[in-house]
Amino acid sequence: MAKQKLELTWIGKHKRPKLEARILLEDPEKSYHAKVRSESAAFDNRLIFGDNLLALKALEQELTGKVKCVFIDPPYNTGSAFTHYDDGLEHSIWLGLMRDRLEIIKRLLSDDGSLWITIDDNEAHYLKVLCDEVFGRGNFVVNAIWQKKYAPQNDAKWLSDNHDHILVYAKNKEVWRPNLLPRTVEAEARYKNPDNDPRGAWKATDFSVKTYSAANDYPIETPTGRVVNPPESRCWVTSKERFEELVADNRIWFGKTGNNVPSLKKFLTEVKGGTTSLSVWLYEEVGHNQDAKKEVKQFNSKDVFDTPKPEKLLERIIHLATNKGDLVLDSFAGSGTTGAVAHKMGRRWIMVELGEHCHTHIIPRLQKVIDGEDQGGISKAVNWQGGGGFRYFRLAPTLIVNDKWGNQIINPDYNPEMLAEALAKLEGFTYMPSENHWWQHGYSSENDFIYVTTQSLSVEQLQVLSDEVGAGRSLLICCSAWRGITADQAAERFPNLSLKKIPKMILKRCEWGHDDYSLNVANLPMAEEEPEPRSSENQPAAKTKPVKRKSAVENQGGLFDGMDSEE
């Protein structure tokens, strides 16, 4: 009997899309940079327009293990999509789409990286269990609570919802540690010096702990002669011998009268350079939805998001998770808050957005940030003066299309450079054409290269390539065909060459032509009704329920067609 494991299951869980690792095409007209380059501001940030699952796949080869912090605010937007579906199928589609993203995000994170997800009560608890499965339950850090609203909704039917969840996972919890928060004026004001201790201000802390040790359970006599014991089921922090040393060092406080239960003096000069973050974040500290809407109105007053995130919230997350120069990724960019805040804080960033607000909201916002014209949000707190820049990319179209006879061919929109880059990525090579060797389009190691051509190569051409490559190096040749020699003969005659035919070499590699793996499940494609099968020859078929969209069991909204075969 197979060993069972505890897991979250859903309809279609075993099915996974065979994603096409597409190349990214820069549009210099939409890229933007400050007029003057500064050392402190990053210029190589990236804004990617396109489906975020495909964009994550496009980044995977280059950025595996290099992202310090991922923040995502995934949508949960069903609308009326599931009028004829039960609740289980609705969640199944959402969970399947999220799982695919989380698995790539985990690979992108560095060993000391972390993932932060804002989510509401609709999916928070399903998502928690899903993240446990992807990241490992031992890498769960905390479910922080953000107070997103400051006033009750009196028209709420049940309870007035005023919080969101922030699920935090480490790539490796044994390695990852959050930064401390800056010490506030209010926190420092708690330190006093009522006994004029020459070591400066201090505050009294509890001298008992709940982890019981018999060695630390002893009576203490106060200066007034009163005998005190630890509270029931607790003990003192230290042994009796260590306690006496602390008394001699004037580190034990019995109150002004000398009659109180002992406290341990904690000096301001000895505490850590900040405070440990709590798991409940109040709006006074990190802002609320109305703050965020005001920030968005500064660069687009006509189309304001319903639930944007305030800059102070992202400042808290980025401060806890990263240091200057670290890479931050947001694959659900929305109004661009993550990139704007990361930019102001001196972090490098990548954002992905498919919606048109990439152009109507994000680009205008970032331009104001770069020009120093955005003095809202956290700008004054970090003394932001402008600088830096970003490069705008869009996902390339699918590499394989069907011609008018239904044959799979290379997309005519691909020029030779695009084709070489695309095949290099699909074959696991880094695309970097050599200035010295015409046949080096990319490399996988210092001695292994790739060459892409749509020509049909003769034996003489293969011989020239083999001679130029030389001994101790290898070249993968992707070409339309080769003439005058079989594949086996070529392998024997040219041991430093490997031959693959375009496009046959990649036809079964991916789902070609899928451009939208959107999490907006209200947009899933329509499907025809499908009758239920007869249970026996003599029993009539059951009546079918009206079905508006194709079942997630079959292809999760058209995402999983043709994915069962592998090359």
Protein backbone atom coordinates (compact mmCIF):
# COMPACT_ATOMS: atom_id res chain seq x y z
CA MET A 1 0.00 0.00 0.00
CA ALA A 2 1.38 3.38 -0.99
CA LYS A 3 2.37 5.63 1.87
CA GLN A 4 -0.16 8.41 2.36
CA LYS A 5 0.73 11.99 3.18
CA LEU A 6 -1.17 14.94 4.54
CA GLU A 7 -1.92 17.31 1.67
CA LEU A 8 -4.46 19.73 0.24
CA THR A 9 -6.21 18.20 -2.75
CA TRP A 10 -8.33 19.81 -5.42
CA ILE A 11 -9.85 18.99 -8.78
CA GLY A 12 -7.17 18.87 -11.47
CA LYS A 13 -4.25 19.16 -9.02
CA HIS A 14 -2.17 16.60 -10.91
CA LYS A 15 -2.34 18.61 -14.13
CA ARG A 16 0.34 21.20 -14.78
CA PRO A 17 0.86 23.54 -17.73
CA LYS A 18 3.91 22.96 -19.90
CA LEU A 19 4.94 26.59 -19.93
CA GLU A 20 6.79 28.15 -22.82
CA ALA A 21 9.96 29.92 -21.63
CA ARG A 22 9.64 33.01 -23.78
CA ILE A 23 12.15 35.73 -24.42
CA LEU A 24 11.61 39.35 -23.35
CA LEU A 25 11.60 42.15 -25.91
CA GLU A 26 12.59 45.64 -24.80
CA ASP A 27 10.65 48.67 -26.01
CA PRO A 28 13.13 51.55 -25.60
CA GLU A 29 10.39 54.14 -26.14
CA LYS A 30 8.65 53.03 -22.95
CA SER A 31 11.84 52.57 -20.93
CA TYR A 32 12.69 55.59 -18.78
CA HIS A 33 15.79 56.92 -17.05
CA ALA A 34 16.84 59.97 -15.13
CA LYS A 35 18.76 62.54 -17.15
CA VAL A 36 21.74 62.25 -14.82
CA ARG A 37 23.11 58.88 -13.72
CA SER A 38 23.86 58.49 -10.01
CA GLU A 39 25.72 55.69 -8.28
CA SER A 40 23.04 55.15 -5.64
CA ALA A 41 20.05 54.78 -7.99
CA ALA A 42 19.56 51.61 -10.04
CA PHE A 43 18.97 51.90 -13.78
CA ASP A 44 18.50 48.21 -14.66
CA ASN A 45 15.09 47.73 -13.02
CA ARG A 46 12.55 45.94 -15.19
CA LEU A 47 8.87 46.48 -15.92
CA ILE A 48 7.43 43.54 -17.86
CA PHE A 49 4.11 43.73 -19.70
CA GLY A 50 2.49 40.33 -20.11
CA ASP A 51 0.95 37.33 -18.39
CA ASN A 52 2.69 36.94 -15.05
CA LEU A 53 2.99 33.14 -15.11
CA LEU A 54 4.71 33.28 -18.49
CA ALA A 55 6.84 36.19 -17.25
CA LEU A 56 7.96 34.21 -14.20
CA LYS A 57 8.89 31.34 -16.51
CA ALA A 58 10.78 33.78 -18.74
CA LEU A 59 12.82 34.98 -15.75
CA GLU A 60 13.48 31.54 -14.27
CA GLN A 61 16.66 30.64 -16.14
CA GLU A 62 18.36 33.97 -15.45
CA LEU A 63 17.19 34.65 -11.89
CA THR A 64 16.96 31.28 -10.16
CA GLY A 65 18.26 31.77 -6.62
CA LYS A 66 18.82 35.53 -7.05
CA VAL A 67 15.64 37.25 -5.78
CA LYS A 68 15.79 38.40 -2.15
CA CYS A 69 12.13 39.30 -1.68
CA VAL A 70 8.93 38.49 -3.56
CA PHE A 71 5.81 40.46 -2.70
CA ILE A 72 2.53 39.53 -4.39
CA ASP A 73 -1.03 40.76 -3.98
CA PRO A 74 -2.90 38.15 -6.04
CA PRO A 75 -6.44 38.96 -7.17
CA TYR A 76 -9.46 36.93 -6.22
CA ASN A 77 -11.95 38.09 -8.80
CA THR A 78 -14.62 35.55 -9.62
CA GLY A 79 -17.47 37.92 -10.45
CA SER A 80 -20.32 35.66 -11.52
CA ALA A 81 -18.04 33.14 -13.21
CA PHE A 82 -19.15 30.20 -11.14
CA THR A 83 -22.92 30.52 -11.04
CA HIS A 84 -23.24 26.92 -12.19
CA TYR A 85 -20.20 25.49 -10.38
CA ASP A 86 -19.95 24.30 -6.84
CA ASP A 87 -17.60 25.98 -4.40
CA GLY A 88 -15.01 23.22 -4.63
CA LEU A 89 -14.43 23.68 -8.35
CA GLU A 90 -14.11 27.44 -7.98
CA HIS A 91 -11.34 27.07 -5.41
CA SER A 92 -9.71 24.30 -7.44
CA ILE A 93 -9.10 26.55 -10.42
CA TRP A 94 -7.73 29.34 -8.22
CA LEU A 95 -5.47 26.99 -6.26
CA GLY A 96 -4.10 25.34 -9.40
CA LEU A 97 -3.19 28.69 -10.93
CA MET A 98 -1.59 29.90 -7.70
CA ARG A 99 0.39 26.67 -7.22
CA ASP A 100 2.01 27.05 -10.63
CA ARG A 101 3.19 30.57 -9.74
CA LEU A 102 4.39 29.70 -6.24
CA GLU A 103 6.58 26.85 -7.50
CA ILE A 104 8.48 29.16 -9.85
CA ILE A 105 8.68 31.89 -7.19
CA LYS A 106 10.30 29.43 -4.80
CA ARG A 107 12.97 28.63 -7.38
CA LEU A 108 13.64 32.33 -7.99
CA LEU A 109 14.20 33.09 -4.30
CA SER A 110 17.71 33.13 -2.87
CA ASP A 111 18.43 30.86 0.11
CA ASP A 112 18.06 33.89 2.38
CA GLY A 113 14.99 35.15 0.49
CA SER A 114 11.36 35.44 1.56
CA LEU A 115 7.85 35.57 0.09
CA TRP A 116 5.15 37.99 1.33
CA ILE A 117 1.54 37.56 0.16
CA THR A 118 -1.36 39.87 0.96
CA ILE A 119 -4.71 38.08 0.81
CA ASP A 120 -8.16 38.45 2.33
CA ASP A 121 -10.28 35.93 4.20
CA ASN A 122 -11.76 34.40 1.03
CA GLU A 123 -8.63 32.41 0.20
CA ALA A 124 -6.15 33.04 3.04
CA HIS A 125 -6.55 29.67 4.71
CA TYR A 126 -6.52 27.61 1.53
CA LEU A 127 -3.47 29.58 0.45
CA LYS A 128 -1.71 28.95 3.77
CA VAL A 129 -2.01 25.18 3.34
CA LEU A 130 -0.95 25.43 -0.32
CA CYS A 131 2.15 27.44 0.63
CA ASP A 132 2.95 24.88 3.33
CA GLU A 133 2.99 22.25 0.60
CA VAL A 134 5.16 24.26 -1.82
CA PHE A 135 7.61 25.85 0.64
CA GLY A 136 7.45 23.29 3.44
CA ARG A 137 5.54 23.87 6.64
CA GLY A 138 8.78 24.44 8.50
CA ASN A 139 9.48 27.53 6.37
CA PHE A 140 6.28 29.32 7.41
CA VAL A 141 7.27 32.48 9.28
CA VAL A 142 4.09 34.28 10.30
CA ASN A 143 0.59 35.33 9.31
CA ALA A 144 0.82 39.07 9.91
CA ILE A 145 -2.39 41.06 10.22
CA TRP A 146 -2.70 44.42 8.47
CA GLN A 147 -5.42 46.80 9.62
CA LYS A 148 -6.51 48.02 6.17
CA LYS A 149 -9.52 50.07 7.34
CA TYR A 150 -9.75 52.46 10.25
CA ALA A 151 -13.55 52.81 10.54
CA PRO A 152 -16.31 50.18 10.84
CA GLN A 153 -18.71 49.54 7.97
CA ASN A 154 -22.12 49.99 9.53
CA ASP A 155 -23.84 48.32 6.58
CA ALA A 156 -21.87 45.06 7.07
CA LYS A 157 -24.27 42.12 7.31
CA TRP A 158 -22.14 40.14 9.76
CA LEU A 159 -18.85 41.59 11.04
CA SER A 160 -17.10 44.63 9.61
CA ASP A 161 -14.00 43.29 7.87
CA ASN A 162 -11.05 45.63 8.52
CA HIS A 163 -7.97 43.47 8.04
CA ASP A 164 -5.98 41.55 5.45
CA HIS A 165 -3.56 38.68 5.97
CA ILE A 166 0.12 38.85 5.05
CA LEU A 167 1.48 35.31 4.73
CA VAL A 168 5.26 35.22 5.10
CA TYR A 169 7.44 32.28 4.02
CA ALA A 170 11.21 31.91 3.98
CA LYS A 171 13.01 29.96 1.29
CA ASN A 172 15.05 28.50 4.15
CA LYS A 173 13.89 29.52 7.61
CA GLU A 174 17.14 28.34 9.19
CA VAL A 175 19.01 30.92 7.12
CA TRP A 176 16.53 33.79 6.76
CA ARG A 177 16.27 36.48 9.41
CA PRO A 178 14.21 39.68 9.20
CA ASN A 179 15.80 43.05 9.77
CA LEU A 180 14.89 44.98 12.88
CA LEU A 181 12.53 47.93 12.66
CA PRO A 182 13.97 51.35 13.46
CA ARG A 183 13.49 52.28 17.08
CA THR A 184 10.77 54.89 17.41
CA VAL A 185 10.75 57.94 19.65
CA GLU A 186 7.91 56.34 21.61
CA ALA A 187 9.96 53.16 22.12
CA GLU A 188 13.00 55.08 23.36
CA ALA A 189 10.82 57.14 25.69
CA ARG A 190 10.08 53.97 27.66
CA TYR A 191 13.68 54.00 28.88
CA LYS A 192 14.18 56.10 32.06
CA ASN A 193 16.89 56.49 34.69
CA PRO A 194 15.11 56.87 38.06
CA ASP A 195 18.18 55.75 40.08
CA ASN A 196 20.68 57.89 38.12
CA ASP A 197 22.59 54.83 36.95
CA PRO A 198 25.83 56.02 35.23
CA ARG A 199 25.17 53.57 32.37
CA GLY A 200 22.22 55.72 31.30
CA ALA A 201 18.53 55.11 30.61
CA TRP A 202 17.01 51.69 31.18
CA LYS A 203 13.65 49.98 31.53
CA ALA A 204 12.51 47.26 33.91
CA THR A 205 11.82 43.84 32.38
CA ASP A 206 10.25 40.73 33.86
CA PHE A 207 12.71 38.64 35.89
CA SER A 208 10.57 35.49 35.58
CA VAL A 209 10.03 33.08 32.69
CA LYS A 210 7.41 30.43 31.99
CA THR A 211 9.92 27.74 30.91
CA TYR A 212 10.34 26.12 34.30
CA SER A 213 13.68 25.08 35.80
CA ALA A 214 13.94 23.88 39.41
CA ALA A 215 17.44 25.38 39.65
CA ASN A 216 15.96 28.82 39.05
CA ASP A 217 13.10 28.45 41.54
CA TYR A 218 14.28 30.01 44.82
CA PRO A 219 13.09 32.70 47.27
CA ILE A 220 14.43 36.24 46.97
CA GLU A 221 14.59 38.73 49.83
CA THR A 222 13.95 42.36 48.85
CA PRO A 223 15.94 45.25 50.46
CA THR A 224 13.01 45.82 52.84
CA GLY A 225 13.16 42.21 54.06
CA ARG A 226 10.15 40.95 52.13
CA VAL A 227 10.55 37.42 50.73
CA VAL A 228 9.15 36.79 47.24
CA ASN A 229 8.95 33.69 45.03
CA PRO A 230 8.41 33.30 41.30
CA PRO A 231 4.78 33.33 40.13
CA GLU A 232 3.11 29.92 40.12
CA SER A 233 4.40 27.56 37.36
CA ARG A 234 7.21 30.03 36.54
CA CYS A 235 10.79 30.47 37.69
CA TRP A 236 13.38 33.25 37.76
CA VAL A 237 15.44 34.09 34.66
CA THR A 238 18.77 33.10 36.23
CA SER A 239 20.25 30.88 38.91
CA LYS A 240 20.66 32.22 42.47
CA GLU A 241 24.40 32.70 41.96
CA ARG A 242 23.87 34.75 38.79
CA PHE A 243 21.12 36.76 40.53
CA GLU A 244 23.53 37.77 43.27
CA GLU A 245 26.06 38.90 40.64
CA LEU A 246 23.36 41.05 38.99
CA VAL A 247 22.45 42.60 42.35
CA ALA A 248 26.10 43.48 42.94
CA ASP A 249 26.22 45.08 39.46
CA ASN A 250 23.09 47.17 40.21
CA ARG A 251 21.13 45.43 37.44
CA ILE A 252 18.20 44.34 39.63
CA TRP A 253 15.45 46.85 40.42
CA PHE A 254 13.14 46.43 43.41
CA GLY A 255 11.18 49.62 42.81
CA LYS A 256 11.62 53.02 44.41
CA THR A 257 10.70 51.68 47.86
CA GLY A 258 12.83 48.53 47.56
CA ASN A 259 9.81 46.37 48.29
CA ASN A 260 8.71 45.27 44.80
CA VAL A 261 9.16 41.95 42.99
CA PRO A 262 12.61 42.08 41.30
CA SER A 263 12.95 43.30 37.68
CA LEU A 264 15.93 43.13 35.38
CA LYS A 265 17.31 46.46 34.16
CA LYS A 266 17.64 46.57 30.34
CA PHE A 267 19.85 49.49 29.27
CA LEU A 268 19.16 51.41 26.08
CA THR A 269 22.86 51.33 25.19
CA GLU A 270 22.83 47.52 25.25
CA VAL A 271 19.71 46.75 23.25
CA LYS A 272 19.73 45.78 19.59
CA GLY A 273 19.85 48.53 16.99
CA GLY A 274 16.11 48.32 16.46
CA THR A 275 12.96 46.53 17.55
CA THR A 276 11.54 43.19 16.51
CA SER A 277 8.42 43.55 14.37
CA LEU A 278 5.11 42.48 15.85
CA SER A 279 2.68 40.41 13.79
CA VAL A 280 -0.21 42.89 14.03
CA TRP A 281 0.34 46.00 11.91
CA LEU A 282 -1.96 48.90 12.74
CA TYR A 283 -2.90 51.53 10.19
CA GLU A 284 -1.15 54.24 12.22
CA GLU A 285 2.13 52.45 11.49
CA VAL A 286 1.74 51.20 7.90
CA GLY A 287 -1.22 53.08 6.43
CA HIS A 288 -4.63 51.96 5.20
CA ASN A 289 -6.56 51.69 1.93
CA GLN A 290 -7.61 55.34 1.91
CA ASP A 291 -3.97 56.42 2.21
CA ALA A 292 -3.16 54.23 -0.77
CA LYS A 293 -5.99 55.68 -2.86
CA LYS A 294 -4.71 59.19 -2.20
CA GLU A 295 -1.26 58.09 -3.37
CA VAL A 296 -2.68 56.61 -6.59
CA LYS A 297 -4.68 59.78 -7.32
CA GLN A 298 -1.43 61.72 -7.56
CA PHE A 299 -0.65 60.10 -10.91
CA ASN A 300 -4.10 58.95 -12.11
CA SER A 301 -7.12 60.66 -10.59
CA LYS A 302 -9.64 59.25 -13.08
CA ASP A 303 -9.15 55.52 -12.50
CA VAL A 304 -8.36 54.74 -8.87
CA PHE A 305 -7.86 51.14 -7.73
CA ASP A 306 -10.37 49.72 -5.24
CA THR A 307 -7.80 48.21 -2.89
CA PRO A 308 -4.30 49.58 -3.55
CA LYS A 309 -1.60 49.03 -0.95
CA PRO A 310 -0.11 52.07 0.85
CA GLU A 311 3.56 52.85 0.39
CA LYS A 312 4.18 52.59 4.15
CA LEU A 313 3.00 48.96 4.09
CA LEU A 314 5.46 48.07 1.33
CA GLU A 315 8.18 50.06 3.10
CA ARG A 316 7.72 47.85 6.17
CA ILE A 317 7.87 44.64 4.13
CA ILE A 318 10.86 45.68 2.03
CA HIS A 319 12.71 46.95 5.12
CA LEU A 320 12.18 43.68 6.99
CA ALA A 321 13.05 41.47 4.01
CA THR A 322 15.90 43.24 2.19
CA ASN A 323 18.91 45.53 2.29
CA LYS A 324 20.00 48.19 -0.19
CA GLY A 325 20.87 46.74 -3.59
CA ASP A 326 18.80 43.57 -3.09
CA LEU A 327 16.36 42.44 -5.79
CA VAL A 328 12.60 42.70 -5.15
CA LEU A 329 10.01 41.03 -7.42
CA ASP A 330 6.27 41.73 -7.69
CA SER A 331 4.48 39.66 -10.33
CA PHE A 332 1.06 41.24 -9.61
CA ALA A 333 2.20 44.85 -9.94
CA GLY A 334 -1.23 46.50 -9.88
CA SER A 335 -0.65 50.24 -9.52
CA GLY A 336 3.13 49.83 -9.15
CA THR A 337 3.49 50.51 -5.42
CA THR A 338 6.14 47.83 -4.91
CA GLY A 339 8.44 49.19 -7.60
CA ALA A 340 7.93 52.80 -6.50
CA VAL A 341 8.79 52.01 -2.87
CA ALA A 342 11.69 49.68 -3.72
CA HIS A 343 13.09 52.38 -6.01
CA LYS A 344 12.93 55.04 -3.28
CA MET A 345 14.56 52.64 -0.82
CA GLY A 346 17.53 51.86 -3.07
CA ARG A 347 16.50 48.31 -3.98
CA ARG A 348 16.53 46.82 -7.46
CA TRP A 349 13.12 45.68 -8.66
CA ILE A 350 11.19 43.73 -11.27
CA MET A 351 7.44 44.15 -11.75
CA VAL A 352 5.06 42.23 -14.01
CA GLU A 353 1.63 43.44 -15.07
CA LEU A 354 -0.74 42.31 -17.82
CA GLY A 355 -3.47 44.94 -17.45
CA GLU A 356 -3.54 48.18 -19.41
CA HIS A 357 -2.90 50.03 -16.13
CA CYS A 358 0.72 49.02 -16.72
CA HIS A 359 0.68 51.99 -19.10
CA THR A 360 -1.97 54.21 -17.50
CA HIS A 361 -0.81 53.90 -13.89
CA ILE A 362 2.58 52.25 -13.42
CA ILE A 363 4.65 54.05 -16.06
CA PRO A 364 3.39 57.57 -15.14
CA ARG A 365 3.97 56.78 -11.47
CA LEU A 366 7.53 55.56 -12.01
CA GLN A 367 8.34 58.52 -14.22
CA LYS A 368 7.35 60.89 -11.41
CA VAL A 369 9.43 58.86 -8.95
CA ILE A 370 12.49 58.95 -11.21
CA ASP A 371 12.08 62.67 -11.90
CA GLY A 372 11.78 63.38 -8.16
CA GLU A 373 8.29 64.83 -8.65
CA ASP A 374 6.62 62.20 -6.43
CA GLN A 375 6.87 63.58 -2.91
CA GLY A 376 3.95 61.55 -1.58
CA GLY A 377 4.02 58.18 0.17
CA ILE A 378 7.38 57.55 1.84
CA SER A 379 9.33 60.13 -0.21
CA LYS A 380 9.86 62.66 2.57
CA ALA A 381 10.64 59.95 5.15
CA VAL A 382 13.50 58.62 2.99
CA ASN A 383 14.43 62.04 1.55
CA TRP A 384 13.76 60.89 -2.01
CA GLN A 385 15.11 63.31 -4.62
CA GLY A 386 14.75 61.23 -7.79
CA GLY A 387 17.12 59.26 -10.01
CA GLY A 388 17.57 55.81 -11.52
CA GLY A 389 15.41 54.27 -14.20
CA PHE A 390 13.76 51.14 -15.60
CA ARG A 391 13.64 49.14 -18.80
CA TYR A 392 10.27 48.18 -20.27
CA PHE A 393 9.86 44.70 -21.71
CA ARG A 394 7.02 42.77 -23.22
CA LEU A 395 6.75 39.02 -23.61
CA ALA A 396 7.61 37.81 -27.08
CA PRO A 397 4.81 36.08 -29.00
CA THR A 398 4.70 32.31 -28.98
CA LEU A 399 7.56 30.72 -30.93
CA ILE A 400 5.47 28.05 -32.69
CA VAL A 401 2.33 28.75 -34.72
CA ASN A 402 0.26 26.79 -37.24
CA ASP A 403 0.41 27.62 -40.93
CA LYS A 404 -2.73 27.66 -43.09
CA TRP A 405 -2.49 23.88 -43.53
CA GLY A 406 -2.25 23.25 -39.79
CA ASN A 407 1.47 22.49 -39.74
CA GLN A 408 3.52 23.77 -36.81
CA ILE A 409 6.15 26.27 -37.95
CA ILE A 410 8.41 28.92 -36.47
CA ASN A 411 6.44 32.12 -35.91
CA PRO A 412 7.18 34.42 -38.91
CA ASP A 413 7.35 37.37 -36.46
CA TYR A 414 10.67 36.01 -35.19
CA ASN A 415 13.77 37.47 -36.82
CA PRO A 416 17.08 35.51 -36.71
CA GLU A 417 18.25 37.18 -33.49
CA MET A 418 14.95 36.47 -31.70
CA LEU A 419 15.00 32.85 -32.90
CA ALA A 420 18.57 32.35 -31.68
CA GLU A 421 17.74 33.82 -28.27
CA ALA A 422 14.53 31.78 -27.96
CA LEU A 423 16.18 28.45 -28.83
CA ALA A 424 19.13 29.22 -26.57
CA LYS A 425 16.72 29.75 -23.66
CA LEU A 426 14.73 26.59 -24.42
CA GLU A 427 17.94 24.56 -24.58
CA GLY A 428 19.29 25.99 -21.30
CA PHE A 429 21.96 28.27 -22.82
CA THR A 430 22.65 31.90 -21.95
CA TYR A 431 22.15 34.00 -25.07
CA MET A 432 25.25 36.11 -25.69
CA PRO A 433 26.42 36.35 -29.31
CA SER A 434 30.20 36.46 -29.60
CA GLU A 435 31.90 39.37 -31.34
CA ASN A 436 34.74 37.07 -32.43
CA HIS A 437 33.07 33.79 -33.40
CA TRP A 438 30.05 33.94 -35.73
CA TRP A 439 28.88 30.51 -34.60
CA GLN A 440 28.70 31.34 -30.88
CA HIS A 441 25.17 32.53 -30.15
CA GLY A 442 25.27 31.53 -26.49
CA TYR A 443 26.92 29.34 -23.90
CA SER A 444 26.06 26.92 -21.10
CA SER A 445 29.64 26.69 -19.81
CA GLU A 446 33.00 28.07 -20.86
CA ASN A 447 33.40 25.22 -23.34
CA ASP A 448 29.84 24.50 -24.49
CA PHE A 449 28.10 26.71 -27.07
CA ILE A 450 25.01 26.94 -29.25
CA TYR A 451 24.60 28.01 -32.89
CA VAL A 452 21.18 28.65 -34.49
CA THR A 453 20.53 28.90 -38.21
CA THR A 454 17.54 28.31 -40.47
CA GLN A 455 19.84 26.97 -43.21
CA SER A 456 20.25 23.40 -44.30
CA LEU A 457 23.91 22.59 -43.62
CA SER A 458 26.14 20.54 -45.90
CA VAL A 459 28.89 18.16 -44.78
CA GLU A 460 31.47 20.78 -45.81
CA GLN A 461 29.82 23.42 -43.61
CA LEU A 462 29.70 21.00 -40.68
CA GLN A 463 33.40 20.29 -41.20
CA VAL A 464 34.25 24.01 -41.04
CA LEU A 465 32.22 24.37 -37.82
CA SER A 466 33.85 21.30 -36.26
CA ASP A 467 37.34 22.60 -37.10
CA GLU A 468 36.59 26.06 -35.64
CA VAL A 469 35.12 24.64 -32.46
CA GLY A 470 38.15 22.44 -31.97
CA ALA A 471 38.91 19.79 -29.41
CA GLY A 472 37.81 20.22 -25.80
CA ARG A 473 34.73 22.25 -26.74
CA SER A 474 31.25 21.37 -27.94
CA LEU A 475 28.68 23.09 -30.15
CA LEU A 476 24.93 22.43 -30.32
CA ILE A 477 23.76 23.25 -33.85
CA CYS A 478 20.07 24.02 -34.32
CA CYS A 479 19.29 24.07 -38.05
CA SER A 480 16.48 23.28 -40.46
CA ALA A 481 18.30 20.19 -41.83
CA TRP A 482 21.68 18.71 -42.78
CA ARG A 483 22.61 17.19 -46.12
CA GLY A 484 24.79 14.31 -47.26
CA ILE A 485 25.15 12.68 -43.87
CA THR A 486 22.95 10.89 -41.36
CA ALA A 487 22.68 11.88 -37.72
CA ASP A 488 24.65 8.80 -36.64
CA GLN A 489 27.36 9.47 -39.20
CA ALA A 490 27.59 13.09 -38.10
CA ALA A 491 27.95 12.08 -34.44
CA GLU A 492 30.82 9.74 -35.34
CA ARG A 493 32.59 12.11 -37.73
CA PHE A 494 32.11 15.32 -35.71
CA PRO A 495 32.24 14.32 -32.00
CA ASN A 496 32.34 17.99 -30.90
CA LEU A 497 29.03 18.79 -32.68
CA SER A 498 25.43 17.94 -31.73
CA LEU A 499 22.70 18.40 -34.37
CA LYS A 500 19.02 19.22 -33.80
CA LYS A 501 16.36 20.09 -36.38
CA ILE A 502 14.23 23.22 -36.22
CA PRO A 503 11.36 23.19 -35.34
CA LYS A 504 10.99 19.45 -34.65
CA MET A 505 13.41 19.65 -31.70
CA ILE A 506 10.97 21.70 -29.61
CA LEU A 507 7.46 20.87 -30.87
CA LYS A 508 6.52 18.70 -27.88
CA ARG A 509 8.37 20.84 -25.36
CA CYS A 510 5.68 23.37 -24.41
CA GLU A 511 2.11 24.55 -24.74
CA TRP A 512 2.50 26.82 -27.74
CA GLY A 513 0.13 29.69 -28.33
CA HIS A 514 -1.14 30.11 -24.76
CA ASP A 515 -0.90 33.80 -23.95
CA ASP A 516 -3.17 34.16 -20.92
CA TYR A 517 -2.88 32.12 -17.72
CA SER A 518 -4.80 34.84 -15.90
CA LEU A 519 -5.80 34.46 -12.26
CA ASN A 520 -8.95 36.38 -13.08
CA VAL A 521 -11.08 33.25 -13.17
CA ALA A 522 -14.09 35.25 -14.35
CA ASN A 523 -12.38 35.31 -17.75
CA LEU A 524 -12.11 31.56 -18.24
CA PRO A 525 -13.20 30.38 -21.69
CA MET A 526 -16.60 28.93 -22.50
CA ALA A 527 -17.18 25.24 -23.19
CA GLU A 528 -19.91 23.09 -24.63
CA GLU A 529 -22.20 21.01 -22.44
CA GLU A 530 -20.95 17.48 -21.90
CA PRO A 531 -23.44 14.72 -20.95
CA GLU A 532 -22.60 12.43 -18.07
CA PRO A 533 -21.76 8.83 -19.06
CA ARG A 534 -24.32 6.03 -18.57
CA SER A 535 -23.60 3.91 -15.54
CA SER A 536 -24.95 0.77 -17.28
CA GLU A 537 -26.58 -0.28 -20.57
CA ASN A 538 -30.08 -0.37 -19.07
CA GLN A 539 -29.87 2.86 -17.09
CA PRO A 540 -30.62 6.17 -18.84
CA ALA A 541 -28.05 8.93 -18.81
CA ALA A 542 -28.32 11.38 -15.95
CA LYS A 543 -29.54 14.87 -16.72
CA THR A 544 -26.77 17.39 -17.11
CA LYS A 545 -26.48 20.59 -15.18
CA PRO A 546 -25.88 23.72 -17.23
CA VAL A 547 -22.16 24.32 -17.60
CA LYS A 548 -20.84 27.70 -18.63
CA ARG A 549 -17.11 26.99 -18.68
CA LYS A 550 -14.90 23.99 -19.23
CA SER A 551 -14.20 21.91 -16.17
CA ALA A 552 -10.92 22.35 -14.35
CA VAL A 553 -10.66 18.54 -14.40
CA GLU A 554 -10.17 18.69 -18.16
CA ASN A 555 -7.95 21.67 -18.69
CA GLN A 556 -8.41 24.38 -16.04
CA GLY A 557 -9.79 26.96 -18.40
CA GLY A 558 -7.91 25.80 -21.48
CA LEU A 559 -4.53 25.92 -19.81
CA PHE A 560 -3.55 22.29 -20.03
CA ASP A 561 -4.23 21.20 -23.61
CA GLY A 562 -1.70 18.77 -25.01
CA MET A 563 0.44 18.58 -21.90
CA ASP A 564 0.58 14.84 -21.37
CA SER A 565 3.30 14.09 -23.91
CA GLU A 566 6.97 14.89 -23.51
CA GLU A 567 9.77 14.79 -26.01
